[in-house]
Amino acid sequence: MADSSTAFPIPEPDRAFHFKYSTVAGYFQQSDDSTDSDTFDFTKENFGLVDRKYETDDDDKDKDKTQWQRFETYVRHLNAHSAEDVQYKVLFLGRHGQGWHNVAEAKYGMKAWDSYYSMLDGADGMTWSDAKLTPTGQQQAKDVHALWQRLLPSGIPAPETYYVSPLTRTLETADLSFAGLDLPADKPYKPIVKELLREALGIHTCDRRSPASTILTAFPHVTLEAGFSDADTLWRPDYREPRSARKYRLQQLLDDVFGSDSDPGVFLALTSHSGAIASVLEAVGHRAFGLRTGGWCRCWRWRRRRLGGE
């Protein structure tokens, strides 16, 4: 078996510092150990935002502001008054809606899926290579769209950047979730495709992306990140990326997002996959929080930049 550190060509960062992440608890239900991810319904819980007071609240000036408006004021206040090497960001982590690979795994069972069917492009009238959304998955994403449309007038901060995995099911989910919303003019929906924001790499054809040219033909409105190759250079037919390597890859994705001078945004949306989201949560010290297809988790994180190694 190949060494997980060299099995996939994930580039090493070229920087004289590294990032340390942690999760700020007490502001979203998802970070509370008492919140059961199996029963939690973000659509009924205001994305999980806790009803509480903030040190920036002004009882006279803010009496008519919503919880979201007061939270945004507080987060931006923290960034404005934090140390130079500390940065706060709020992430909307969304899992794609149901795809045909999810249907196939349920149909054949996990054992048969992992040992045989996942290596096929499809069977029994279904195609799951770079799986598309099922009608159920499309409706799940439309339900998220309706939730955003309902919450935007109440002051929920619109994402300032939309990052999306390059797999078809996530691109479809992002479009159905965000395109056509009544967004602020200075915060339009302009998805950026990030190669490292993918599900576990290798063997499963549902996790092999389409060529860049195919992606741009189907989704001409997206922006592919710099250096995005036409062919999928990460997926391999004979090796499945282990959890440790997936966590390292998603850590690199976070370092890119948090370290980019071109993205000063505080509220970011990342449309991705269950495994990728699990690795993001693990990388930042958040408790494990599973998402059903079409599910979203709201998390608040910060990074500290340190010169040199540690």
C-alpha atoms as a PDB file:
ATOM      1  CA  MET A   1       0.000   0.000   0.000  1.00  0.00           C
ATOM      2  CA  ALA A   2       1.293   3.456  -0.878  1.00  0.00           C
ATOM      3  CA  ASP A   3       2.398   5.911   1.789  1.00  0.00           C
ATOM      4  CA  SER A   4      -0.526   8.258   2.440  1.00  0.00           C
ATOM      5  CA  SER A   5       1.823  11.236   2.492  1.00  0.00           C
ATOM      6  CA  THR A   6       2.840  10.681  -1.148  1.00  0.00           C
ATOM      7  CA  ALA A   7      -0.154   8.851  -2.606  1.00  0.00           C
ATOM      8  CA  PHE A   8      -1.766  12.017  -3.981  1.00  0.00           C
ATOM      9  CA  PRO A   9       0.058  15.004  -5.492  1.00  0.00           C
ATOM     10  CA  ILE A  10      -1.148  17.635  -2.991  1.00  0.00           C
ATOM     11  CA  PRO A  11       1.248  20.603  -3.342  1.00  0.00           C
ATOM     12  CA  GLU A  12       3.191  21.717  -0.307  1.00  0.00           C
ATOM     13  CA  PRO A  13       2.513  25.327   0.710  1.00  0.00           C
ATOM     14  CA  ASP A  14       5.260  27.830  -0.041  1.00  0.00           C
ATOM     15  CA  ARG A  15       5.051  30.133   2.972  1.00  0.00           C
ATOM     16  CA  ALA A  16       7.184  31.061   5.968  1.00  0.00           C
ATOM     17  CA  PHE A  17       4.354  30.575   8.458  1.00  0.00           C
ATOM     18  CA  HIS A  18       1.571  28.167   9.291  1.00  0.00           C
ATOM     19  CA  PHE A  19      -1.949  28.446  10.631  1.00  0.00           C
ATOM     20  CA  LYS A  20      -3.473  27.254  13.866  1.00  0.00           C
ATOM     21  CA  TYR A  21      -7.255  26.952  14.011  1.00  0.00           C
ATOM     22  CA  SER A  22      -9.835  26.678  16.740  1.00  0.00           C
ATOM     23  CA  THR A  23     -13.613  26.847  16.963  1.00  0.00           C
ATOM     24  CA  VAL A  24     -15.334  29.554  18.976  1.00  0.00           C
ATOM     25  CA  ALA A  25     -18.068  27.767  20.932  1.00  0.00           C
ATOM     26  CA  GLY A  26     -21.228  29.195  22.447  1.00  0.00           C
ATOM     27  CA  TYR A  27     -22.661  30.896  19.384  1.00  0.00           C
ATOM     28  CA  PHE A  28     -24.083  28.007  17.322  1.00  0.00           C
ATOM     29  CA  GLN A  29     -25.959  24.954  18.473  1.00  0.00           C
ATOM     30  CA  GLN A  30     -23.799  22.697  16.300  1.00  0.00           C
ATOM     31  CA  SER A  31     -20.782  23.293  18.557  1.00  0.00           C
ATOM     32  CA  ASP A  32     -22.740  22.321  21.677  1.00  0.00           C
ATOM     33  CA  ASP A  33     -22.205  18.692  22.722  1.00  0.00           C
ATOM     34  CA  SER A  34     -25.874  18.419  23.693  1.00  0.00           C
ATOM     35  CA  THR A  35     -27.023  19.020  20.090  1.00  0.00           C
ATOM     36  CA  ASP A  36     -27.783  15.696  18.373  1.00  0.00           C
ATOM     37  CA  SER A  37     -26.710  15.861  14.729  1.00  0.00           C
ATOM     38  CA  ASP A  38     -29.095  13.006  13.862  1.00  0.00           C
ATOM     39  CA  THR A  39     -32.177  15.004  14.870  1.00  0.00           C
ATOM     40  CA  PHE A  40     -31.003  18.606  14.450  1.00  0.00           C
ATOM     41  CA  ASP A  41     -32.927  20.458  11.727  1.00  0.00           C
ATOM     42  CA  PHE A  42     -31.084  23.603  10.648  1.00  0.00           C
ATOM     43  CA  THR A  43     -34.101  24.773   8.644  1.00  0.00           C
ATOM     44  CA  LYS A  44     -36.117  25.114  11.869  1.00  0.00           C
ATOM     45  CA  GLU A  45     -33.285  26.407  14.060  1.00  0.00           C
ATOM     46  CA  ASN A  46     -32.158  29.578  12.247  1.00  0.00           C
ATOM     47  CA  PHE A  47     -29.062  27.736  10.967  1.00  0.00           C
ATOM     48  CA  GLY A  48     -28.264  26.969  14.588  1.00  0.00           C
ATOM     49  CA  LEU A  49     -27.579  30.539  15.735  1.00  0.00           C
ATOM     50  CA  VAL A  50     -27.944  30.769  19.514  1.00  0.00           C
ATOM     51  CA  ASP A  51     -30.262  33.461  20.887  1.00  0.00           C
ATOM     52  CA  ARG A  52     -27.913  35.418  23.132  1.00  0.00           C
ATOM     53  CA  LYS A  53     -26.431  38.814  23.911  1.00  0.00           C
ATOM     54  CA  TYR A  54     -23.094  40.159  22.668  1.00  0.00           C
ATOM     55  CA  GLU A  55     -20.747  42.665  24.203  1.00  0.00           C
ATOM     56  CA  THR A  56     -21.371  44.995  21.255  1.00  0.00           C
ATOM     57  CA  ASP A  57     -25.131  45.135  21.887  1.00  0.00           C
ATOM     58  CA  ASP A  58     -26.567  48.556  22.555  1.00  0.00           C
ATOM     59  CA  ASP A  59     -29.979  48.192  24.194  1.00  0.00           C
ATOM     60  CA  ASP A  60     -31.209  51.492  22.765  1.00  0.00           C
ATOM     61  CA  LYS A  61     -29.699  51.433  19.275  1.00  0.00           C
ATOM     62  CA  ASP A  62     -30.063  47.674  18.676  1.00  0.00           C
ATOM     63  CA  LYS A  63     -33.526  47.061  20.092  1.00  0.00           C
ATOM     64  CA  ASP A  64     -34.989  46.639  16.599  1.00  0.00           C
ATOM     65  CA  LYS A  65     -32.091  44.577  15.178  1.00  0.00           C
ATOM     66  CA  THR A  66     -32.396  40.858  14.610  1.00  0.00           C
ATOM     67  CA  GLN A  67     -30.162  38.211  16.154  1.00  0.00           C
ATOM     68  CA  TRP A  68     -28.282  37.850  12.856  1.00  0.00           C
ATOM     69  CA  GLN A  69     -27.683  41.583  12.541  1.00  0.00           C
ATOM     70  CA  ARG A  70     -26.304  41.801  16.070  1.00  0.00           C
ATOM     71  CA  PHE A  71     -24.129  38.728  15.493  1.00  0.00           C
ATOM     72  CA  GLU A  72     -22.647  40.201  12.315  1.00  0.00           C
ATOM     73  CA  THR A  73     -21.867  43.444  14.153  1.00  0.00           C
ATOM     74  CA  TYR A  74     -20.121  41.460  16.886  1.00  0.00           C
ATOM     75  CA  VAL A  75     -17.992  39.354  14.511  1.00  0.00           C
ATOM     76  CA  ARG A  76     -16.866  42.365  12.495  1.00  0.00           C
ATOM     77  CA  HIS A  77     -16.065  44.166  15.752  1.00  0.00           C
ATOM     78  CA  LEU A  78     -13.857  41.253  16.807  1.00  0.00           C
ATOM     79  CA  ASN A  79     -11.951  41.353  13.523  1.00  0.00           C
ATOM     80  CA  ALA A  80     -11.503  45.110  13.744  1.00  0.00           C
ATOM     81  CA  HIS A  81     -10.093  44.878  17.263  1.00  0.00           C
ATOM     82  CA  SER A  82      -8.186  41.580  17.146  1.00  0.00           C
ATOM     83  CA  ALA A  83      -4.427  41.129  17.101  1.00  0.00           C
ATOM     84  CA  GLU A  84      -2.711  41.347  13.723  1.00  0.00           C
ATOM     85  CA  ASP A  85      -2.226  37.590  13.569  1.00  0.00           C
ATOM     86  CA  VAL A  86      -5.802  36.659  14.507  1.00  0.00           C
ATOM     87  CA  GLN A  87      -8.716  36.481  12.083  1.00  0.00           C
ATOM     88  CA  TYR A  88     -12.339  35.434  12.555  1.00  0.00           C
ATOM     89  CA  LYS A  89     -14.455  33.881   9.808  1.00  0.00           C
ATOM     90  CA  VAL A  90     -17.912  32.325   9.786  1.00  0.00           C
ATOM     91  CA  LEU A  91     -18.344  29.325   7.498  1.00  0.00           C
ATOM     92  CA  PHE A  92     -21.564  27.957   6.019  1.00  0.00           C
ATOM     93  CA  LEU A  93     -20.642  24.305   5.366  1.00  0.00           C
ATOM     94  CA  GLY A  94     -23.136  22.660   3.033  1.00  0.00           C
ATOM     95  CA  ARG A  95     -23.327  19.038   1.887  1.00  0.00           C
ATOM     96  CA  HIS A  96     -24.629  18.328  -1.593  1.00  0.00           C
ATOM     97  CA  GLY A  97     -28.131  16.974  -2.052  1.00  0.00           C
ATOM     98  CA  GLN A  98     -28.830  13.311  -2.690  1.00  0.00           C
ATOM     99  CA  GLY A  99     -26.866  11.992  -5.671  1.00  0.00           C
ATOM    100  CA  TRP A 100     -27.275   8.812  -7.670  1.00  0.00           C
ATOM    101  CA  HIS A 101     -24.297   7.308  -5.857  1.00  0.00           C
ATOM    102  CA  ASN A 102     -26.216   7.701  -2.577  1.00  0.00           C
ATOM    103  CA  VAL A 103     -29.142   5.809  -4.117  1.00  0.00           C
ATOM    104  CA  ALA A 104     -26.830   3.071  -5.385  1.00  0.00           C
ATOM    105  CA  GLU A 105     -25.103   2.607  -2.034  1.00  0.00           C
ATOM    106  CA  ALA A 106     -28.482   2.293  -0.315  1.00  0.00           C
ATOM    107  CA  LYS A 107     -29.669  -0.157  -2.990  1.00  0.00           C
ATOM    108  CA  TYR A 108     -26.663  -2.507  -2.954  1.00  0.00           C
ATOM    109  CA  GLY A 109     -25.550  -2.096   0.644  1.00  0.00           C
ATOM    110  CA  MET A 110     -22.284  -0.613   1.895  1.00  0.00           C
ATOM    111  CA  LYS A 111     -20.279  -3.838   1.651  1.00  0.00           C
ATOM    112  CA  ALA A 112     -21.200  -4.532  -1.982  1.00  0.00           C
ATOM    113  CA  TRP A 113     -20.848  -0.845  -2.818  1.00  0.00           C
ATOM    114  CA  ASP A 114     -17.332  -0.543  -1.431  1.00  0.00           C
ATOM    115  CA  SER A 115     -16.093  -3.844  -2.843  1.00  0.00           C
ATOM    116  CA  TYR A 116     -17.622  -3.727  -6.320  1.00  0.00           C
ATOM    117  CA  TYR A 117     -20.280  -1.244  -7.426  1.00  0.00           C
ATOM    118  CA  SER A 118     -18.415   1.925  -6.434  1.00  0.00           C
ATOM    119  CA  MET A 119     -15.742   1.066  -9.009  1.00  0.00           C
ATOM    120  CA  LEU A 120     -18.264   0.986 -11.867  1.00  0.00           C
ATOM    121  CA  ASP A 121     -19.550   4.013 -13.755  1.00  0.00           C
ATOM    122  CA  GLY A 122     -23.090   2.826 -13.111  1.00  0.00           C
ATOM    123  CA  ALA A 123     -25.515  -0.113 -13.256  1.00  0.00           C
ATOM    124  CA  ASP A 124     -29.213  -0.973 -13.448  1.00  0.00           C
ATOM    125  CA  GLY A 125     -30.086   2.185 -15.351  1.00  0.00           C
ATOM    126  CA  MET A 126     -28.200   4.476 -12.954  1.00  0.00           C
ATOM    127  CA  THR A 127     -25.016   6.433 -13.657  1.00  0.00           C
ATOM    128  CA  TRP A 128     -22.941   7.579 -10.698  1.00  0.00           C
ATOM    129  CA  SER A 129     -19.568   8.439 -12.197  1.00  0.00           C
ATOM    130  CA  ASP A 130     -19.200  12.087 -11.066  1.00  0.00           C
ATOM    131  CA  ALA A 131     -22.746  11.630  -9.820  1.00  0.00           C
ATOM    132  CA  LYS A 132     -25.514  14.095 -10.560  1.00  0.00           C
ATOM    133  CA  LEU A 133     -28.306  15.009  -8.156  1.00  0.00           C
ATOM    134  CA  THR A 134     -31.459  12.931  -8.062  1.00  0.00           C
ATOM    135  CA  PRO A 135     -34.831  14.718  -8.128  1.00  0.00           C
ATOM    136  CA  THR A 136     -34.823  14.351  -4.328  1.00  0.00           C
ATOM    137  CA  GLY A 137     -31.381  15.948  -4.163  1.00  0.00           C
ATOM    138  CA  GLN A 138     -32.530  18.811  -6.349  1.00  0.00           C
ATOM    139  CA  GLN A 139     -35.481  19.446  -4.045  1.00  0.00           C
ATOM    140  CA  GLN A 140     -33.205  19.379  -0.987  1.00  0.00           C
ATOM    141  CA  ALA A 141     -31.116  22.143  -2.537  1.00  0.00           C
ATOM    142  CA  LYS A 142     -34.250  24.098  -3.460  1.00  0.00           C
ATOM    143  CA  ASP A 143     -35.371  23.855   0.161  1.00  0.00           C
ATOM    144  CA  VAL A 144     -32.071  25.470   1.200  1.00  0.00           C
ATOM    145  CA  HIS A 145     -32.708  28.209  -1.368  1.00  0.00           C
ATOM    146  CA  ALA A 146     -36.130  28.845   0.191  1.00  0.00           C
ATOM    147  CA  LEU A 147     -34.545  29.041   3.652  1.00  0.00           C
ATOM    148  CA  TRP A 148     -32.016  31.640   2.517  1.00  0.00           C
ATOM    149  CA  GLN A 149     -34.744  33.607   0.780  1.00  0.00           C
ATOM    150  CA  ARG A 150     -36.715  33.611   4.022  1.00  0.00           C
ATOM    151  CA  LEU A 151     -33.771  34.609   6.252  1.00  0.00           C
ATOM    152  CA  LEU A 152     -32.124  37.279   4.101  1.00  0.00           C
ATOM    153  CA  PRO A 153     -34.749  39.928   4.952  1.00  0.00           C
ATOM    154  CA  SER A 154     -34.135  39.199   8.649  1.00  0.00           C
ATOM    155  CA  GLY A 155     -30.505  40.174   8.324  1.00  0.00           C
ATOM    156  CA  ILE A 156     -28.616  36.921   7.885  1.00  0.00           C
ATOM    157  CA  PRO A 157     -25.286  37.956   6.304  1.00  0.00           C
ATOM    158  CA  ALA A 158     -25.089  36.885   2.685  1.00  0.00           C
ATOM    159  CA  PRO A 159     -21.890  34.978   1.952  1.00  0.00           C
ATOM    160  CA  GLU A 160     -19.125  37.165   0.604  1.00  0.00           C
ATOM    161  CA  THR A 161     -17.511  34.242  -1.216  1.00  0.00           C
ATOM    162  CA  TYR A 162     -18.911  30.958  -2.512  1.00  0.00           C
ATOM    163  CA  TYR A 163     -16.458  28.055  -2.678  1.00  0.00           C
ATOM    164  CA  VAL A 164     -17.582  24.855  -4.381  1.00  0.00           C
ATOM    165  CA  SER A 165     -16.169  21.379  -4.909  1.00  0.00           C
ATOM    166  CA  PRO A 166     -15.589  20.585  -8.613  1.00  0.00           C
ATOM    167  CA  LEU A 167     -17.874  17.532  -8.588  1.00  0.00           C
ATOM    168  CA  THR A 168     -21.131  17.833 -10.491  1.00  0.00           C
ATOM    169  CA  ARG A 169     -23.439  17.177  -7.540  1.00  0.00           C
ATOM    170  CA  THR A 170     -21.909  20.020  -5.523  1.00  0.00           C
ATOM    171  CA  LEU A 171     -21.987  22.446  -8.430  1.00  0.00           C
ATOM    172  CA  GLU A 172     -25.654  21.624  -8.982  1.00  0.00           C
ATOM    173  CA  THR A 173     -26.368  21.991  -5.265  1.00  0.00           C
ATOM    174  CA  ALA A 174     -24.661  25.370  -5.035  1.00  0.00           C
ATOM    175  CA  ASP A 175     -26.581  26.696  -8.034  1.00  0.00           C
ATOM    176  CA  LEU A 176     -29.944  25.480  -6.771  1.00  0.00           C
ATOM    177  CA  SER A 177     -29.202  26.823  -3.283  1.00  0.00           C
ATOM    178  CA  PHE A 178     -27.892  30.292  -4.134  1.00  0.00           C
ATOM    179  CA  ALA A 179     -28.596  31.302  -7.744  1.00  0.00           C
ATOM    180  CA  GLY A 180     -31.548  33.649  -8.041  1.00  0.00           C
ATOM    181  CA  LEU A 181     -31.556  34.788  -4.423  1.00  0.00           C
ATOM    182  CA  ASP A 182     -32.293  38.431  -3.668  1.00  0.00           C
ATOM    183  CA  LEU A 183     -28.679  39.102  -2.673  1.00  0.00           C
ATOM    184  CA  PRO A 184     -27.041  42.464  -1.960  1.00  0.00           C
ATOM    185  CA  ALA A 185     -25.625  44.040  -5.108  1.00  0.00           C
ATOM    186  CA  ASP A 186     -22.093  43.945  -3.690  1.00  0.00           C
ATOM    187  CA  LYS A 187     -22.344  40.251  -2.741  1.00  0.00           C
ATOM    188  CA  PRO A 188     -23.442  38.414  -5.891  1.00  0.00           C
ATOM    189  CA  TYR A 189     -23.394  34.653  -6.297  1.00  0.00           C
ATOM    190  CA  LYS A 190     -20.121  33.972  -8.118  1.00  0.00           C
ATOM    191  CA  PRO A 191     -18.983  30.429  -7.269  1.00  0.00           C
ATOM    192  CA  ILE A 192     -15.260  29.630  -7.167  1.00  0.00           C
ATOM    193  CA  VAL A 193     -14.327  26.005  -7.804  1.00  0.00           C
ATOM    194  CA  LYS A 194     -11.643  24.678  -5.443  1.00  0.00           C
ATOM    195  CA  GLU A 195      -9.924  21.410  -6.338  1.00  0.00           C
ATOM    196  CA  LEU A 196      -9.104  20.438  -2.749  1.00  0.00           C
ATOM    197  CA  LEU A 197     -12.707  20.842  -1.528  1.00  0.00           C
ATOM    198  CA  ARG A 198     -13.568  17.358  -2.816  1.00  0.00           C
ATOM    199  CA  GLU A 199     -14.714  14.114  -1.260  1.00  0.00           C
ATOM    200  CA  ALA A 200     -12.209  11.332  -0.442  1.00  0.00           C
ATOM    201  CA  LEU A 201     -10.076  10.645  -3.498  1.00  0.00           C
ATOM    202  CA  GLY A 202      -9.677   7.429  -5.440  1.00  0.00           C
ATOM    203  CA  ILE A 203     -11.402   4.160  -6.479  1.00  0.00           C
ATOM    204  CA  HIS A 204     -15.012   5.371  -6.242  1.00  0.00           C
ATOM    205  CA  THR A 205     -15.965   6.735  -9.647  1.00  0.00           C
ATOM    206  CA  CYS A 206     -18.555   9.035  -8.066  1.00  0.00           C
ATOM    207  CA  ASP A 207     -15.600  11.012  -6.664  1.00  0.00           C
ATOM    208  CA  ARG A 208     -13.756  11.362  -9.988  1.00  0.00           C
ATOM    209  CA  ARG A 209     -14.398  14.811 -11.391  1.00  0.00           C
ATOM    210  CA  SER A 210     -15.090  15.720 -14.994  1.00  0.00           C
ATOM    211  CA  PRO A 211     -12.531  17.593 -17.113  1.00  0.00           C
ATOM    212  CA  ALA A 212     -12.378  21.341 -16.602  1.00  0.00           C
ATOM    213  CA  SER A 213     -13.676  21.892 -20.131  1.00  0.00           C
ATOM    214  CA  THR A 214     -16.766  19.798 -19.333  1.00  0.00           C
ATOM    215  CA  ILE A 215     -17.339  21.676 -16.088  1.00  0.00           C
ATOM    216  CA  LEU A 216     -17.189  25.054 -17.843  1.00  0.00           C
ATOM    217  CA  THR A 217     -19.555  23.862 -20.572  1.00  0.00           C
ATOM    218  CA  ALA A 218     -22.142  22.760 -18.008  1.00  0.00           C
ATOM    219  CA  PHE A 219     -21.501  25.615 -15.558  1.00  0.00           C
ATOM    220  CA  PRO A 220     -20.134  28.556 -17.588  1.00  0.00           C
ATOM    221  CA  HIS A 221     -20.753  31.008 -14.723  1.00  0.00           C
ATOM    222  CA  VAL A 222     -18.223  29.426 -12.327  1.00  0.00           C
ATOM    223  CA  THR A 223     -14.613  30.494 -11.870  1.00  0.00           C
ATOM    224  CA  LEU A 224     -11.990  27.772 -11.718  1.00  0.00           C
ATOM    225  CA  GLU A 225      -9.217  28.573  -9.262  1.00  0.00           C
ATOM    226  CA  ALA A 226      -5.776  29.349 -10.662  1.00  0.00           C
ATOM    227  CA  GLY A 227      -3.890  26.253 -11.749  1.00  0.00           C
ATOM    228  CA  PHE A 228      -7.009  24.096 -12.160  1.00  0.00           C
ATOM    229  CA  SER A 229      -6.030  21.345 -14.614  1.00  0.00           C
ATOM    230  CA  ASP A 230      -8.288  20.057 -17.357  1.00  0.00           C
ATOM    231  CA  ALA A 231      -7.787  16.414 -16.368  1.00  0.00           C
ATOM    232  CA  ASP A 232      -8.396  15.096 -12.859  1.00  0.00           C
ATOM    233  CA  THR A 233      -4.854  14.595 -11.601  1.00  0.00           C
ATOM    234  CA  LEU A 234      -5.833  13.676  -8.023  1.00  0.00           C
ATOM    235  CA  TRP A 235      -8.175  10.706  -8.460  1.00  0.00           C
ATOM    236  CA  ARG A 236      -6.634   7.224  -8.779  1.00  0.00           C
ATOM    237  CA  PRO A 237      -8.417   3.968  -9.666  1.00  0.00           C
ATOM    238  CA  ASP A 238      -6.289   1.810  -7.349  1.00  0.00           C
ATOM    239  CA  TYR A 239      -5.938   3.753  -4.081  1.00  0.00           C
ATOM    240  CA  ARG A 240      -8.479   5.271  -1.711  1.00  0.00           C
ATOM    241  CA  GLU A 241      -7.397   8.341   0.219  1.00  0.00           C
ATOM    242  CA  PRO A 242      -7.305   7.590   3.978  1.00  0.00           C
ATOM    243  CA  ARG A 243      -8.893   9.875   6.521  1.00  0.00           C
ATOM    244  CA  SER A 244      -5.519  11.263   7.681  1.00  0.00           C
ATOM    245  CA  ALA A 245      -4.605  12.313   4.151  1.00  0.00           C
ATOM    246  CA  ARG A 246      -8.064  13.787   3.578  1.00  0.00           C
ATOM    247  CA  LYS A 247      -7.691  15.871   6.729  1.00  0.00           C
ATOM    248  CA  TYR A 248      -4.289  17.122   5.511  1.00  0.00           C
ATOM    249  CA  ARG A 249      -5.815  18.057   2.133  1.00  0.00           C
ATOM    250  CA  LEU A 250      -8.684  19.977   3.719  1.00  0.00           C
ATOM    251  CA  GLN A 251      -6.236  21.692   6.048  1.00  0.00           C
ATOM    252  CA  GLN A 252      -4.420  22.890   2.922  1.00  0.00           C
ATOM    253  CA  LEU A 253      -7.736  24.133   1.551  1.00  0.00           C
ATOM    254  CA  LEU A 254      -8.381  26.112   4.737  1.00  0.00           C
ATOM    255  CA  ASP A 255      -4.867  27.545   4.673  1.00  0.00           C
ATOM    256  CA  ASP A 256      -5.498  28.712   1.121  1.00  0.00           C
ATOM    257  CA  VAL A 257      -8.865  30.286   1.962  1.00  0.00           C
ATOM    258  CA  PHE A 258      -7.749  31.925   5.198  1.00  0.00           C
ATOM    259  CA  GLY A 259      -4.371  32.987   3.841  1.00  0.00           C
ATOM    260  CA  SER A 260      -5.565  34.497   0.592  1.00  0.00           C
ATOM    261  CA  ASP A 261      -5.015  38.242   0.456  1.00  0.00           C
ATOM    262  CA  SER A 262      -7.626  38.389  -2.289  1.00  0.00           C
ATOM    263  CA  ASP A 263     -10.465  37.219  -0.023  1.00  0.00           C
ATOM    264  CA  PRO A 264     -11.086  39.549   2.914  1.00  0.00           C
ATOM    265  CA  GLY A 265     -14.568  38.079   3.390  1.00  0.00           C
ATOM    266  CA  VAL A 266     -15.760  37.096   6.846  1.00  0.00           C
ATOM    267  CA  PHE A 267     -18.874  35.088   5.926  1.00  0.00           C
ATOM    268  CA  LEU A 268     -18.062  32.281   3.483  1.00  0.00           C
ATOM    269  CA  ALA A 269     -20.109  29.454   1.953  1.00  0.00           C
ATOM    270  CA  LEU A 270     -18.447  26.099   1.183  1.00  0.00           C
ATOM    271  CA  THR A 271     -20.547  23.559  -0.731  1.00  0.00           C
ATOM    272  CA  SER A 272     -18.905  20.183  -0.416  1.00  0.00           C
ATOM    273  CA  HIS A 273     -19.278  16.585   0.792  1.00  0.00           C
ATOM    274  CA  SER A 274     -19.814  14.701   4.048  1.00  0.00           C
ATOM    275  CA  GLY A 275     -16.229  13.448   4.260  1.00  0.00           C
ATOM    276  CA  ALA A 276     -14.697  16.781   3.324  1.00  0.00           C
ATOM    277  CA  ILE A 277     -16.856  18.610   5.866  1.00  0.00           C
ATOM    278  CA  ALA A 278     -15.931  16.074   8.549  1.00  0.00           C
ATOM    279  CA  SER A 279     -12.258  16.769   7.830  1.00  0.00           C
ATOM    280  CA  VAL A 280     -12.784  20.537   7.965  1.00  0.00           C
ATOM    281  CA  LEU A 281     -14.447  20.202  11.362  1.00  0.00           C
ATOM    282  CA  GLU A 282     -11.656  17.949  12.591  1.00  0.00           C
ATOM    283  CA  ALA A 283      -8.961  20.300  11.306  1.00  0.00           C
ATOM    284  CA  VAL A 284     -10.350  23.227  13.279  1.00  0.00           C
ATOM    285  CA  GLY A 285     -11.095  21.346  16.478  1.00  0.00           C
ATOM    286  CA  HIS A 286     -14.861  21.322  16.078  1.00  0.00           C
ATOM    287  CA  ARG A 287     -16.846  18.397  17.454  1.00  0.00           C
ATOM    288  CA  ALA A 288     -17.951  15.784  14.928  1.00  0.00           C
ATOM    289  CA  PHE A 289     -21.282  16.796  13.406  1.00  0.00           C
ATOM    290  CA  GLY A 290     -22.777  14.635  10.672  1.00  0.00           C
ATOM    291  CA  LEU A 291     -24.889  16.156   7.900  1.00  0.00           C
ATOM    292  CA  ARG A 292     -27.593  14.456   5.908  1.00  0.00           C
ATOM    293  CA  THR A 293     -27.633  15.044   2.160  1.00  0.00           C
ATOM    294  CA  GLY A 294     -28.579  18.644   1.582  1.00  0.00           C
ATOM    295  CA  GLY A 295     -27.656  19.554   5.163  1.00  0.00           C
ATOM    296  CA  TRP A 296     -25.784  22.659   6.346  1.00  0.00           C
ATOM    297  CA  CYS A 297     -23.665  23.394   9.382  1.00  0.00           C
ATOM    298  CA  ARG A 298     -22.859  26.887  10.599  1.00  0.00           C
ATOM    299  CA  CYS A 299     -19.450  27.228  12.255  1.00  0.00           C
ATOM    300  CA  TRP A 300     -17.303  30.057  13.520  1.00  0.00           C
ATOM    301  CA  ARG A 301     -13.548  29.765  13.364  1.00  0.00           C
ATOM    302  CA  TRP A 302     -10.404  31.796  13.664  1.00  0.00           C
ATOM    303  CA  ARG A 303      -6.831  31.386  12.548  1.00  0.00           C
ATOM    304  CA  ARG A 304      -3.568  32.556  14.027  1.00  0.00           C
ATOM    305  CA  ARG A 305      -0.566  33.173  11.811  1.00  0.00           C
ATOM    306  CA  ARG A 306       2.842  32.319  13.265  1.00  0.00           C
ATOM    307  CA  LEU A 307       6.183  32.947  11.618  1.00  0.00           C
ATOM    308  CA  GLY A 308       8.445  29.957  11.299  1.00  0.00           C
ATOM    309  CA  GLY A 309       7.748  26.347  12.220  1.00  0.00           C
ATOM    310  CA  GLU A 310       6.586  24.842  15.470  1.00  0.00           C
END
